[in-house]
PDB file of N, CA and C in Angstrom:
ATOM      1  N   UNK A   1      -0.668  37.701 -10.826  1.00  0.00           N
ATOM      2  CA  UNK A   1       0.327  36.691 -10.652  1.00  0.00           C
ATOM      3  C   UNK A   1       1.100  36.964 -10.511  1.00  0.00           C
ATOM      4  N   UNK A   2       1.724  37.508 -10.505  1.00  0.00           N
ATOM      5  CA  UNK A   2       3.044  38.076  -9.554  1.00  0.00           C
ATOM      6  C   UNK A   2       3.041  37.046  -8.107  1.00  0.00           C
ATOM      7  N   UNK A   3       2.009  37.722  -7.345  1.00  0.00           N
ATOM      8  CA  UNK A   3       1.823  36.964  -6.047  1.00  0.00           C
ATOM      9  C   UNK A   3       1.535  35.976  -6.098  1.00  0.00           C
ATOM     10  N   UNK A   4       0.893  35.172  -6.992  1.00  0.00           N
ATOM     11  CA  UNK A   4       0.457  34.222  -6.395  1.00  0.00           C
ATOM     12  C   UNK A   4       1.754  33.308  -6.899  1.00  0.00           C
ATOM     13  N   UNK A   5       3.032  33.610  -7.261  1.00  0.00           N
ATOM     14  CA  UNK A   5       4.007  33.053  -7.753  1.00  0.00           C
ATOM     15  C   UNK A   5       5.145  33.023  -6.657  1.00  0.00           C
ATOM     16  N   UNK A   6       4.488  34.175  -6.371  1.00  0.00           N
ATOM     17  CA  UNK A   6       5.669  34.572  -4.985  1.00  0.00           C
ATOM     18  C   UNK A   6       5.376  33.870  -3.680  1.00  0.00           C
ATOM     19  N   UNK A   7       4.064  33.108  -4.088  1.00  0.00           N
ATOM     20  CA  UNK A   7       3.480  32.731  -2.359  1.00  0.00           C
ATOM     21  C   UNK A   7       3.650  30.816  -2.428  1.00  0.00           C
ATOM     22  N   UNK A   8       3.768  30.866  -4.097  1.00  0.00           N
ATOM     23  CA  UNK A   8       4.346  29.047  -4.565  1.00  0.00           C
ATOM     24  C   UNK A   8       5.712  28.405  -4.307  1.00  0.00           C
ATOM     25  N   UNK A   9       6.244  30.149  -4.299  1.00  0.00           N
ATOM     26  CA  UNK A   9       7.877  29.761  -4.357  1.00  0.00           C
ATOM     27  C   UNK A   9       7.788  29.748  -2.173  1.00  0.00           C
ATOM     28  N   UNK A  10       7.679  30.614  -1.795  1.00  0.00           N
ATOM     29  CA  UNK A  10       7.629  30.816  -0.293  1.00  0.00           C
ATOM     30  C   UNK A  10       7.151  29.896   0.425  1.00  0.00           C
ATOM     31  N   UNK A  11       6.021  29.119  -0.671  1.00  0.00           N
ATOM     32  CA  UNK A  11       5.232  27.937   0.632  1.00  0.00           C
ATOM     33  C   UNK A  11       6.490  26.320   0.358  1.00  0.00           C
ATOM     34  N   UNK A  12       6.761  26.145  -1.007  1.00  0.00           N
ATOM     35  CA  UNK A  12       7.673  25.333  -0.824  1.00  0.00           C
ATOM     36  C   UNK A  12       8.960  25.925  -0.755  1.00  0.00           C
ATOM     37  N   UNK A  13       9.353  26.976  -0.026  1.00  0.00           N
ATOM     38  CA  UNK A  13      11.071  27.262   0.389  1.00  0.00           C
ATOM     39  C   UNK A  13      11.985  27.435  -0.807  1.00  0.00           C
ATOM     40  N   UNK A  14      11.267  27.894  -2.125  1.00  0.00           N
ATOM     41  CA  UNK A  14      12.179  27.369  -3.306  1.00  0.00           C
ATOM     42  C   UNK A  14      13.117  28.795  -3.279  1.00  0.00           C
ATOM     43  N   UNK A  15      14.613  29.064  -3.811  1.00  0.00           N
ATOM     44  CA  UNK A  15      15.039  30.278  -3.370  1.00  0.00           C
ATOM     45  C   UNK A  15      16.635  29.924  -4.598  1.00  0.00           C
ATOM     46  N   UNK A  16      16.962  30.436  -4.466  1.00  0.00           N
ATOM     47  CA  UNK A  16      17.458  31.111  -5.360  1.00  0.00           C
ATOM     48  C   UNK A  16      19.363  29.977  -5.080  1.00  0.00           C
ATOM     49  N   UNK A  17      19.657  29.589  -4.679  1.00  0.00           N
ATOM     50  CA  UNK A  17      20.388  28.394  -3.631  1.00  0.00           C
ATOM     51  C   UNK A  17      19.763  26.578  -5.046  1.00  0.00           C
ATOM     52  N   UNK A  18      17.698  26.911  -4.550  1.00  0.00           N
ATOM     53  CA  UNK A  18      17.755  26.345  -5.455  1.00  0.00           C
ATOM     54  C   UNK A  18      18.258  25.592  -7.165  1.00  0.00           C
ATOM     55  N   UNK A  19      17.365  27.383  -7.343  1.00  0.00           N
ATOM     56  CA  UNK A  19      17.481  27.625  -8.737  1.00  0.00           C
ATOM     57  C   UNK A  19      18.716  27.297  -9.047  1.00  0.00           C
ATOM     58  N   UNK A  20      20.052  27.294  -8.081  1.00  0.00           N
ATOM     59  CA  UNK A  20      21.423  27.181  -8.631  1.00  0.00           C
ATOM     60  C   UNK A  20      21.927  25.539  -9.217  1.00  0.00           C
ATOM     61  N   UNK A  21      21.284  25.117  -7.888  1.00  0.00           N
ATOM     62  CA  UNK A  21      21.311  23.794  -7.899  1.00  0.00           C
ATOM     63  C   UNK A  21      21.017  23.192  -9.462  1.00  0.00           C
ATOM     64  N   UNK A  22      19.414  23.740  -9.728  1.00  0.00           N
ATOM     65  CA  UNK A  22      19.288  23.455 -10.916  1.00  0.00           C
ATOM     66  C   UNK A  22      19.817  23.290 -12.129  1.00  0.00           C
ATOM     67  N   UNK A  23      20.549  24.325 -11.498  1.00  0.00           N
ATOM     68  CA  UNK A  23      20.655  24.650 -13.277  1.00  0.00           C
ATOM     69  C   UNK A  23      22.989  24.334 -13.169  1.00  0.00           C
ATOM     70  N   UNK A  24      22.963  23.671 -12.271  1.00  0.00           N
ATOM     71  CA  UNK A  24      24.009  22.761 -11.815  1.00  0.00           C
ATOM     72  C   UNK A  24      23.016  21.507 -12.323  1.00  0.00           C
ATOM     73  N   UNK A  25      22.529  21.008 -12.316  1.00  0.00           N
ATOM     74  CA  UNK A  25      22.092  19.711 -12.939  1.00  0.00           C
ATOM     75  C   UNK A  25      22.301  19.557 -14.802  1.00  0.00           C
ATOM     76  N   UNK A  26      21.656  20.588 -14.585  1.00  0.00           N
ATOM     77  CA  UNK A  26      21.123  20.472 -16.989  1.00  0.00           C
ATOM     78  C   UNK A  26      22.959  19.691 -17.576  1.00  0.00           C
ATOM     79  N   UNK A  27      23.748  19.856 -17.314  1.00  0.00           N
ATOM     80  CA  UNK A  27      24.794  19.227 -17.995  1.00  0.00           C
ATOM     81  C   UNK A  27      24.799  17.484 -17.695  1.00  0.00           C
ATOM     82  N   UNK A  28      23.590  17.474 -16.875  1.00  0.00           N
ATOM     83  CA  UNK A  28      24.182  15.685 -16.177  1.00  0.00           C
ATOM     84  C   UNK A  28      22.078  15.094 -16.998  1.00  0.00           C
ATOM     85  N   UNK A  29      21.234  16.004 -17.266  1.00  0.00           N
ATOM     86  CA  UNK A  29      19.575  15.907 -17.312  1.00  0.00           C
ATOM     87  C   UNK A  29      19.963  16.403 -18.564  1.00  0.00           C
ATOM     88  N   UNK A  30      20.390  16.942 -18.902  1.00  0.00           N
ATOM     89  CA  UNK A  30      20.049  18.089 -20.321  1.00  0.00           C
ATOM     90  C   UNK A  30      19.761  16.538 -21.671  1.00  0.00           C
ATOM     91  N   UNK A  31      21.543  15.557 -20.940  1.00  0.00           N
ATOM     92  CA  UNK A  31      21.502  14.558 -22.303  1.00  0.00           C
ATOM     93  C   UNK A  31      19.665  13.473 -22.174  1.00  0.00           C
ATOM     94  N   UNK A  32      19.487  13.619 -21.532  1.00  0.00           N
ATOM     95  CA  UNK A  32      18.198  12.049 -20.555  1.00  0.00           C
ATOM     96  C   UNK A  32      16.981  12.477 -21.480  1.00  0.00           C
ATOM     97  N   UNK A  33      17.549  14.290 -21.589  1.00  0.00           N
ATOM     98  CA  UNK A  33      15.798  14.415 -22.280  1.00  0.00           C
ATOM     99  C   UNK A  33      15.505  14.112 -23.192  1.00  0.00           C
ATOM    100  N   UNK A  34      15.940  13.417 -24.838  1.00  0.00           N
ATOM    101  CA  UNK A  34      15.150  12.579 -25.684  1.00  0.00           C
ATOM    102  C   UNK A  34      14.248  11.903 -24.578  1.00  0.00           C
ATOM    103  N   UNK A  35      15.396  10.675 -24.117  1.00  0.00           N
ATOM    104  CA  UNK A  35      14.712   9.282 -23.966  1.00  0.00           C
ATOM    105  C   UNK A  35      13.496  10.000 -22.602  1.00  0.00           C
ATOM    106  N   UNK A  36      13.559  10.736 -21.838  1.00  0.00           N
ATOM    107  CA  UNK A  36      12.678  10.687 -21.109  1.00  0.00           C
ATOM    108  C   UNK A  36      11.205  11.409 -21.574  1.00  0.00           C
ATOM    109  N   UNK A  37      11.948  12.045 -22.562  1.00  0.00           N
ATOM    110  CA  UNK A  37      10.521  12.250 -23.631  1.00  0.00           C
ATOM    111  C   UNK A  37       9.533  11.735 -24.827  1.00  0.00           C
ATOM    112  N   UNK A  38      10.980  10.978 -24.795  1.00  0.00           N
ATOM    113  CA  UNK A  38       9.780   9.185 -25.746  1.00  0.00           C
ATOM    114  C   UNK A  38       9.460   8.241 -24.593  1.00  0.00           C
ATOM    115  N   UNK A  39      10.332   8.312 -23.742  1.00  0.00           N
ATOM    116  CA  UNK A  39       9.346   7.073 -22.433  1.00  0.00           C
ATOM    117  C   UNK A  39       8.056   7.721 -22.390  1.00  0.00           C
ATOM    118  N   UNK A  40       7.736   9.109 -21.564  1.00  0.00           N
ATOM    119  CA  UNK A  40       7.137   9.652 -21.462  1.00  0.00           C
ATOM    120  C   UNK A  40       5.447   9.693 -22.759  1.00  0.00           C
ATOM    121  N   UNK A  41       6.071  10.212 -23.955  1.00  0.00           N
ATOM    122  CA  UNK A  41       4.854  10.173 -24.691  1.00  0.00           C
ATOM    123  C   UNK A  41       4.033   8.830 -25.005  1.00  0.00           C
ATOM    124  N   UNK A  42       5.213   7.712 -25.196  1.00  0.00           N
ATOM    125  CA  UNK A  42       4.656   6.287 -25.486  1.00  0.00           C
ATOM    126  C   UNK A  42       3.958   5.975 -24.669  1.00  0.00           C
ATOM    127  N   UNK A  43       4.142   6.589 -23.471  1.00  0.00           N
ATOM    128  CA  UNK A  43       3.660   5.871 -21.862  1.00  0.00           C
ATOM    129  C   UNK A  43       1.929   6.422 -22.528  1.00  0.00           C
ATOM    130  N   UNK A  44       1.786   7.735 -23.035  1.00  0.00           N
ATOM    131  CA  UNK A  44       0.522   7.981 -23.043  1.00  0.00           C
ATOM    132  C   UNK A  44      -0.523   7.446 -23.802  1.00  0.00           C
ATOM    133  N   UNK A  45       0.680   7.299 -25.061  1.00  0.00           N
ATOM    134  CA  UNK A  45      -0.253   7.355 -25.868  1.00  0.00           C
ATOM    135  C   UNK A  45      -0.600   5.491 -26.233  1.00  0.00           C
ATOM    136  N   UNK A  46      -0.082   4.306 -25.052  1.00  0.00           N
ATOM    137  CA  UNK A  46      -0.605   3.351 -25.424  1.00  0.00           C
ATOM    138  C   UNK A  46      -1.688   3.284 -23.652  1.00  0.00           C
ATOM    139  N   UNK A  47      -1.295   4.531 -22.829  1.00  0.00           N
ATOM    140  CA  UNK A  47      -3.009   4.007 -22.291  1.00  0.00           C
ATOM    141  C   UNK A  47      -4.178   4.759 -23.508  1.00  0.00           C
ATOM    142  N   UNK A  48      -5.907   4.248 -23.330  1.00  0.00           N
ATOM    143  CA  UNK A  48      -6.807   5.101 -23.855  1.00  0.00           C
ATOM    144  C   UNK A  48      -7.308   6.367 -23.531  1.00  0.00           C
ATOM    145  N   UNK A  49      -7.067   5.930 -22.459  1.00  0.00           N
ATOM    146  CA  UNK A  49      -7.785   7.536 -22.105  1.00  0.00           C
ATOM    147  C   UNK A  49      -6.718   8.708 -22.330  1.00  0.00           C
ATOM    148  N   UNK A  50      -5.809   8.825 -22.073  1.00  0.00           N
ATOM    149  CA  UNK A  50      -4.344   9.796 -22.025  1.00  0.00           C
ATOM    150  C   UNK A  50      -4.143   9.811 -24.053  1.00  0.00           C
ATOM    151  N   UNK A  51      -4.322   8.794 -24.883  1.00  0.00           N
ATOM    152  CA  UNK A  51      -4.630   9.528 -26.134  1.00  0.00           C
ATOM    153  C   UNK A  51      -4.904   9.867 -26.588  1.00  0.00           C
ATOM    154  N   UNK A  52      -6.188   9.619 -26.147  1.00  0.00           N
ATOM    155  CA  UNK A  52      -7.652  10.072 -27.010  1.00  0.00           C
ATOM    156  C   UNK A  52      -7.089  12.148 -26.699  1.00  0.00           C
ATOM    157  N   UNK A  53      -6.496  12.530 -26.595  1.00  0.00           N
ATOM    158  CA  UNK A  53      -6.690  13.442 -26.075  1.00  0.00           C
ATOM    159  C   UNK A  53      -5.999  14.761 -28.009  1.00  0.00           C
ATOM    160  N   UNK A  54      -5.277  13.181 -28.717  1.00  0.00           N
ATOM    161  CA  UNK A  54      -4.332  13.556 -29.078  1.00  0.00           C
ATOM    162  C   UNK A  54      -4.791  13.018 -30.942  1.00  0.00           C
ATOM    163  N   UNK A  55      -4.811  14.771 -31.554  1.00  0.00           N
ATOM    164  CA  UNK A  55      -5.517  14.727 -33.074  1.00  0.00           C
ATOM    165  C   UNK A  55      -4.980  13.887 -33.758  1.00  0.00           C
ATOM    166  N   UNK A  56      -3.299  13.123 -33.586  1.00  0.00           N
ATOM    167  CA  UNK A  56      -2.170  12.418 -34.715  1.00  0.00           C
ATOM    168  C   UNK A  56      -1.156  12.676 -34.001  1.00  0.00           C
ATOM    169  N   UNK A  57      -0.283  12.468 -35.069  1.00  0.00           N
ATOM    170  CA  UNK A  57       0.734  11.712 -34.961  1.00  0.00           C
ATOM    171  C   UNK A  57       1.894  13.814 -35.300  1.00  0.00           C
ATOM    172  N   UNK A  58       1.336  14.557 -35.881  1.00  0.00           N
ATOM    173  CA  UNK A  58       2.103  15.626 -36.107  1.00  0.00           C
ATOM    174  C   UNK A  58       1.709  16.201 -34.120  1.00  0.00           C
ATOM    175  N   UNK A  59       0.647  16.541 -34.132  1.00  0.00           N
ATOM    176  CA  UNK A  59       0.643  17.017 -32.520  1.00  0.00           C
ATOM    177  C   UNK A  59       1.544  16.583 -31.078  1.00  0.00           C
ATOM    178  N   UNK A  60       1.088  15.150 -31.899  1.00  0.00           N
ATOM    179  CA  UNK A  60       2.624  14.875 -30.221  1.00  0.00           C
ATOM    180  C   UNK A  60       3.604  14.933 -30.557  1.00  0.00           C
ATOM    181  N   UNK A  61       4.086  15.612 -32.343  1.00  0.00           N
ATOM    182  CA  UNK A  61       5.895  15.461 -32.641  1.00  0.00           C
ATOM    183  C   UNK A  61       5.905  16.802 -32.014  1.00  0.00           C
ATOM    184  N   UNK A  62       4.783  17.657 -32.170  1.00  0.00           N
ATOM    185  CA  UNK A  62       5.366  19.002 -31.568  1.00  0.00           C
ATOM    186  C   UNK A  62       4.988  18.735 -30.332  1.00  0.00           C
ATOM    187  N   UNK A  63       4.004  18.011 -29.435  1.00  0.00           N
ATOM    188  CA  UNK A  63       4.478  18.045 -28.357  1.00  0.00           C
ATOM    189  C   UNK A  63       5.728  17.851 -27.125  1.00  0.00           C
ATOM    190  N   UNK A  64       6.112  16.759 -28.320  1.00  0.00           N
ATOM    191  CA  UNK A  64       7.263  16.263 -27.976  1.00  0.00           C
ATOM    192  C   UNK A  64       7.909  17.467 -28.034  1.00  0.00           C
ATOM    193  N   UNK A  65       8.814  17.952 -28.822  1.00  0.00           N
ATOM    194  CA  UNK A  65       9.904  19.252 -29.219  1.00  0.00           C
ATOM    195  C   UNK A  65       8.833  19.933 -27.916  1.00  0.00           C
ATOM    196  N   UNK A  66       7.797  20.543 -27.457  1.00  0.00           N
ATOM    197  CA  UNK A  66       6.846  21.488 -26.536  1.00  0.00           C
ATOM    198  C   UNK A  66       7.789  20.639 -25.141  1.00  0.00           C
ATOM    199  N   UNK A  67       7.827  19.526 -24.712  1.00  0.00           N
ATOM    200  CA  UNK A  67       7.684  18.446 -23.331  1.00  0.00           C
ATOM    201  C   UNK A  67      10.000  19.015 -23.695  1.00  0.00           C
ATOM    202  N   UNK A  68      10.302  18.494 -24.458  1.00  0.00           N
ATOM    203  CA  UNK A  68      12.050  19.111 -24.557  1.00  0.00           C
ATOM    204  C   UNK A  68      12.291  20.348 -23.881  1.00  0.00           C
ATOM    205  N   UNK A  69      11.501  22.123 -24.883  1.00  0.00           N
ATOM    206  CA  UNK A  69      11.821  22.635 -24.332  1.00  0.00           C
ATOM    207  C   UNK A  69      11.445  23.436 -22.498  1.00  0.00           C
ATOM    208  N   UNK A  70       9.935  22.497 -22.038  1.00  0.00           N
ATOM    209  CA  UNK A  70       9.595  22.375 -20.812  1.00  0.00           C
ATOM    210  C   UNK A  70      10.762  22.183 -19.524  1.00  0.00           C
ATOM    211  N   UNK A  71      10.763  20.957 -20.478  1.00  0.00           N
ATOM    212  CA  UNK A  71      12.240  20.261 -19.462  1.00  0.00           C
ATOM    213  C   UNK A  71      13.621  21.383 -19.257  1.00  0.00           C
ATOM    214  N   UNK A  72      13.807  21.786 -20.788  1.00  0.00           N
ATOM    215  CA  UNK A  72      15.507  22.667 -20.562  1.00  0.00           C
ATOM    216  C   UNK A  72      15.270  23.637 -19.676  1.00  0.00           C
ATOM    217  N   UNK A  73      13.809  24.625 -19.722  1.00  0.00           N
ATOM    218  CA  UNK A  73      13.547  25.490 -19.133  1.00  0.00           C
ATOM    219  C   UNK A  73      13.929  25.411 -17.046  1.00  0.00           C
ATOM    220  N   UNK A  74      13.522  23.974 -16.847  1.00  0.00           N
ATOM    221  CA  UNK A  74      13.197  24.124 -15.991  1.00  0.00           C
ATOM    222  C   UNK A  74      14.591  24.198 -14.959  1.00  0.00           C
ATOM    223  N   UNK A  75      15.853  23.240 -16.065  1.00  0.00           N
ATOM    224  CA  UNK A  75      16.900  23.908 -14.833  1.00  0.00           C
ATOM    225  C   UNK A  75      17.832  24.969 -15.715  1.00  0.00           C
ATOM    226  N   UNK A  76      17.159  25.843 -16.771  1.00  0.00           N
ATOM    227  CA  UNK A  76      17.699  26.738 -16.630  1.00  0.00           C
ATOM    228  C   UNK A  76      17.950  27.726 -15.936  1.00  0.00           C
ATOM    229  N   UNK A  77      17.428  27.745 -14.735  1.00  0.00           N
ATOM    230  CA  UNK A  77      18.189  28.094 -13.601  1.00  0.00           C
ATOM    231  C   UNK A  77      16.895  29.923 -13.638  1.00  0.00           C
ATOM    232  N   UNK A  78      16.126  30.165 -14.539  1.00  0.00           N
ATOM    233  CA  UNK A  78      15.242  31.472 -15.127  1.00  0.00           C
ATOM    234  C   UNK A  78      13.336  31.092 -14.531  1.00  0.00           C
ATOM    235  N   UNK A  79      13.162  31.619 -12.831  1.00  0.00           N
ATOM    236  CA  UNK A  79      12.003  31.145 -12.120  1.00  0.00           C
ATOM    237  C   UNK A  79      11.561  32.420 -12.816  1.00  0.00           C
ATOM    238  N   UNK A  80      11.193  33.242 -13.168  1.00  0.00           N
ATOM    239  CA  UNK A  80      10.365  34.910 -12.907  1.00  0.00           C
ATOM    240  C   UNK A  80       9.439  34.869 -14.165  1.00  0.00           C
ATOM    241  N   UNK A  81       8.616  35.693 -13.561  1.00  0.00           N
ATOM    242  CA  UNK A  81       7.216  35.560 -14.309  1.00  0.00           C
ATOM    243  C   UNK A  81       6.875  35.104 -15.172  1.00  0.00           C
ATOM    244  N   UNK A  82       7.078  35.397 -16.438  1.00  0.00           N
ATOM    245  CA  UNK A  82       7.115  34.844 -17.828  1.00  0.00           C
ATOM    246  C   UNK A  82       7.809  33.075 -17.690  1.00  0.00           C
ATOM    247  N   UNK A  83       7.856  32.099 -15.935  1.00  0.00           N
ATOM    248  CA  UNK A  83       8.449  31.357 -16.232  1.00  0.00           C
ATOM    249  C   UNK A  83       7.195  30.634 -15.451  1.00  0.00           C
ATOM    250  N   UNK A  84       6.585  31.278 -15.032  1.00  0.00           N
ATOM    251  CA  UNK A  84       4.683  31.112 -14.239  1.00  0.00           C
ATOM    252  C   UNK A  84       4.576  30.728 -15.188  1.00  0.00           C
ATOM    253  N   UNK A  85       3.941  31.585 -15.659  1.00  0.00           N
ATOM    254  CA  UNK A  85       2.809  32.471 -17.031  1.00  0.00           C
ATOM    255  C   UNK A  85       2.925  31.312 -18.232  1.00  0.00           C
ATOM    256  N   UNK A  86       4.063  30.814 -18.178  1.00  0.00           N
ATOM    257  CA  UNK A  86       4.181  29.451 -18.901  1.00  0.00           C
ATOM    258  C   UNK A  86       3.787  27.911 -18.644  1.00  0.00           C
ATOM    259  N   UNK A  87       3.676  28.073 -17.353  1.00  0.00           N
ATOM    260  CA  UNK A  87       3.679  26.420 -16.576  1.00  0.00           C
ATOM    261  C   UNK A  87       1.861  27.000 -16.556  1.00  0.00           C
ATOM    262  N   UNK A  88       1.771  28.036 -16.181  1.00  0.00           N
ATOM    263  CA  UNK A  88       0.019  27.724 -15.689  1.00  0.00           C
ATOM    264  C   UNK A  88      -0.356  27.769 -17.416  1.00  0.00           C
ATOM    265  N   UNK A  89       0.287  28.563 -18.255  1.00  0.00           N
ATOM    266  CA  UNK A  89      -0.781  28.599 -19.637  1.00  0.00           C
ATOM    267  C   UNK A  89      -0.878  26.926 -20.189  1.00  0.00           C
ATOM    268  N   UNK A  90       0.427  26.244 -19.789  1.00  0.00           N
ATOM    269  CA  UNK A  90      -0.064  24.422 -20.462  1.00  0.00           C
ATOM    270  C   UNK A  90      -1.525  24.026 -19.333  1.00  0.00           C
ATOM    271  N   UNK A  91      -0.466  23.774 -18.580  1.00  0.00           N
ATOM    272  CA  UNK A  91      -1.867  23.458 -17.373  1.00  0.00           C
ATOM    273  C   UNK A  91      -3.502  24.249 -17.511  1.00  0.00           C
ATOM    274  N   UNK A  92      -3.473  24.936 -18.172  1.00  0.00           N
ATOM    275  CA  UNK A  92      -5.087  25.610 -18.822  1.00  0.00           C
ATOM    276  C   UNK A  92      -5.317  24.540 -19.656  1.00  0.00           C
ATOM    277  N   UNK A  93      -4.797  24.505 -20.865  1.00  0.00           N
ATOM    278  CA  UNK A  93      -4.364  23.611 -21.514  1.00  0.00           C
ATOM    279  C   UNK A  93      -4.838  22.258 -21.869  1.00  0.00           C
ATOM    280  N   UNK A  94      -4.174  21.752 -20.134  1.00  0.00           N
ATOM    281  CA  UNK A  94      -4.903  20.080 -20.158  1.00  0.00           C
ATOM    282  C   UNK A  94      -5.704  20.156 -19.901  1.00  0.00           C
ATOM    283  N   UNK A  95      -5.848  21.375 -19.454  1.00  0.00           N
ATOM    284  CA  UNK A  95      -7.016  21.338 -18.429  1.00  0.00           C
ATOM    285  C   UNK A  95      -8.911  20.483 -20.180  1.00  0.00           C
ATOM    286  N   UNK A  96      -8.588  21.838 -20.273  1.00  0.00           N
ATOM    287  CA  UNK A  96      -8.710  22.716 -22.582  1.00  0.00           C
ATOM    288  C   UNK A  96      -9.425  21.271 -22.805  1.00  0.00           C
ATOM    289  N   UNK A  97      -7.982  20.939 -22.923  1.00  0.00           N
ATOM    290  CA  UNK A  97      -8.240  19.862 -23.931  1.00  0.00           C
ATOM    291  C   UNK A  97      -9.179  18.142 -23.419  1.00  0.00           C
ATOM    292  N   UNK A  98      -9.168  18.637 -22.579  1.00  0.00           N
ATOM    293  CA  UNK A  98     -10.402  17.051 -21.443  1.00  0.00           C
ATOM    294  C   UNK A  98      -9.356  15.744 -20.730  1.00  0.00           C
ATOM    295  N   UNK A  99      -7.446  16.688 -20.726  1.00  0.00           N
ATOM    296  CA  UNK A  99      -6.650  15.607 -20.201  1.00  0.00           C
ATOM    297  C   UNK A  99      -7.031  15.412 -18.150  1.00  0.00           C
ATOM    298  N   UNK A 100      -7.551  14.369 -18.265  1.00  0.00           N
ATOM    299  CA  UNK A 100      -8.002  13.790 -16.786  1.00  0.00           C
ATOM    300  C   UNK A 100      -7.037  14.481 -15.166  1.00  0.00           C
ATOM    301  N   UNK A 101      -7.438  15.428 -14.504  1.00  0.00           N
ATOM    302  CA  UNK A 101      -6.486  16.178 -13.080  1.00  0.00           C
ATOM    303  C   UNK A 101      -5.711  14.641 -12.912  1.00  0.00           C
ATOM    304  N   UNK A 102      -5.625  13.575 -12.077  1.00  0.00           N
ATOM    305  CA  UNK A 102      -4.503  12.695 -12.512  1.00  0.00           C
ATOM    306  C   UNK A 102      -3.811  12.518 -13.262  1.00  0.00           C
ATOM    307  N   UNK A 103      -3.967  12.266 -14.288  1.00  0.00           N
ATOM    308  CA  UNK A 103      -2.906  12.437 -15.573  1.00  0.00           C
ATOM    309  C   UNK A 103      -2.252  13.683 -16.086  1.00  0.00           C
ATOM    310  N   UNK A 104      -2.455  14.832 -15.328  1.00  0.00           N
ATOM    311  CA  UNK A 104      -1.215  15.403 -15.185  1.00  0.00           C
ATOM    312  C   UNK A 104       0.266  16.126 -14.014  1.00  0.00           C
TER     313      UNK A 104
END
């Protein structure tokens, strides 16, 4: 998995300067996370194909918390193997629940 992650970063030319820029943006974007998460899940719940993957309000609330954390990690500036593993796991879960690729 390490090789895949390194290849991805090289492919998009993502380096420490990019990580530093994301860290610098964190104070500006973090206050907007709740608004972003709320709008995102509102849009998913309004679409019958995306809302069909939810088991109920408790799951949606857990997912809201997860998305908030996911956003925070993007701007934390730590893009290591653990970061890549978490992102890969999220992608696999999306596939397992039947979320169509064009909604990911």
